[in-house]
């Protein structure tokens, strides 16, 4: 009840994009897990290494 006053409903387009992004992330994670790969940040620049 407290949060109801502070939350706004998202537009349909934003909801669609969020769901699409979440599906993409889950798909990538699933493929990496099946291939026994690990993602990690290599340095301060935020570059990712897949190994």
Protein backbone atom coordinates (compact mmCIF):
# COMPACT_ATOMS: atom_id res chain seq x y z
CA UNK A 1 0.00 0.00 0.00
CA UNK A 2 2.83 2.39 0.83
CA UNK A 3 4.55 1.91 -2.54
CA UNK A 4 1.35 2.26 -4.56
CA UNK A 5 1.50 6.04 -4.39
CA UNK A 6 5.08 6.11 -5.65
CA UNK A 7 4.92 3.60 -8.47
CA UNK A 8 3.70 4.46 -11.91
CA UNK A 9 2.57 1.93 -14.42
CA UNK A 10 4.93 1.55 -17.36
CA UNK A 11 3.80 2.05 -20.90
CA UNK A 12 3.11 -1.04 -22.97
CA UNK A 13 6.17 -0.38 -25.14
CA UNK A 14 8.49 -0.16 -22.12
CA UNK A 15 7.04 -3.36 -20.67
CA UNK A 16 7.56 -5.10 -24.01
CA UNK A 17 11.19 -3.94 -24.25
CA UNK A 18 11.94 -4.98 -20.67
CA UNK A 19 10.49 -8.46 -21.25
CA UNK A 20 12.43 -8.78 -24.50
CA UNK A 21 15.70 -7.78 -22.77
CA UNK A 22 15.08 -10.22 -19.91
CA UNK A 23 14.45 -13.05 -22.37
CA UNK A 24 17.69 -12.19 -24.19
CA UNK A 25 19.69 -12.19 -20.96
CA UNK A 26 18.22 -15.53 -19.90
CA UNK A 27 18.95 -16.98 -23.32
CA UNK A 28 22.59 -15.87 -23.20
CA UNK A 29 23.01 -17.23 -19.66
CA UNK A 30 21.46 -20.57 -20.67
CA UNK A 31 23.74 -20.93 -23.71
CA UNK A 32 26.84 -20.08 -21.68
CA UNK A 33 25.86 -22.51 -18.93
CA UNK A 34 25.31 -25.31 -21.46
CA UNK A 35 28.72 -24.61 -23.02
CA UNK A 36 30.36 -24.52 -19.56
CA UNK A 37 31.53 -20.93 -19.99
CA UNK A 38 32.05 -18.24 -17.37
CA UNK A 39 31.71 -14.47 -17.81
CA UNK A 40 33.91 -12.23 -15.70
CA UNK A 41 35.11 -8.63 -15.73
CA UNK A 42 38.80 -8.49 -16.67
CA UNK A 43 39.81 -4.98 -15.61
CA UNK A 44 38.57 -1.58 -14.47
CA UNK A 45 37.33 -0.68 -17.94
CA UNK A 46 34.48 -3.16 -17.54
CA UNK A 47 35.52 -5.42 -20.40
CA UNK A 48 34.06 -8.91 -20.08
CA UNK A 49 35.98 -12.12 -20.65
CA UNK A 50 34.21 -15.33 -21.62
CA UNK A 51 36.19 -18.34 -20.52
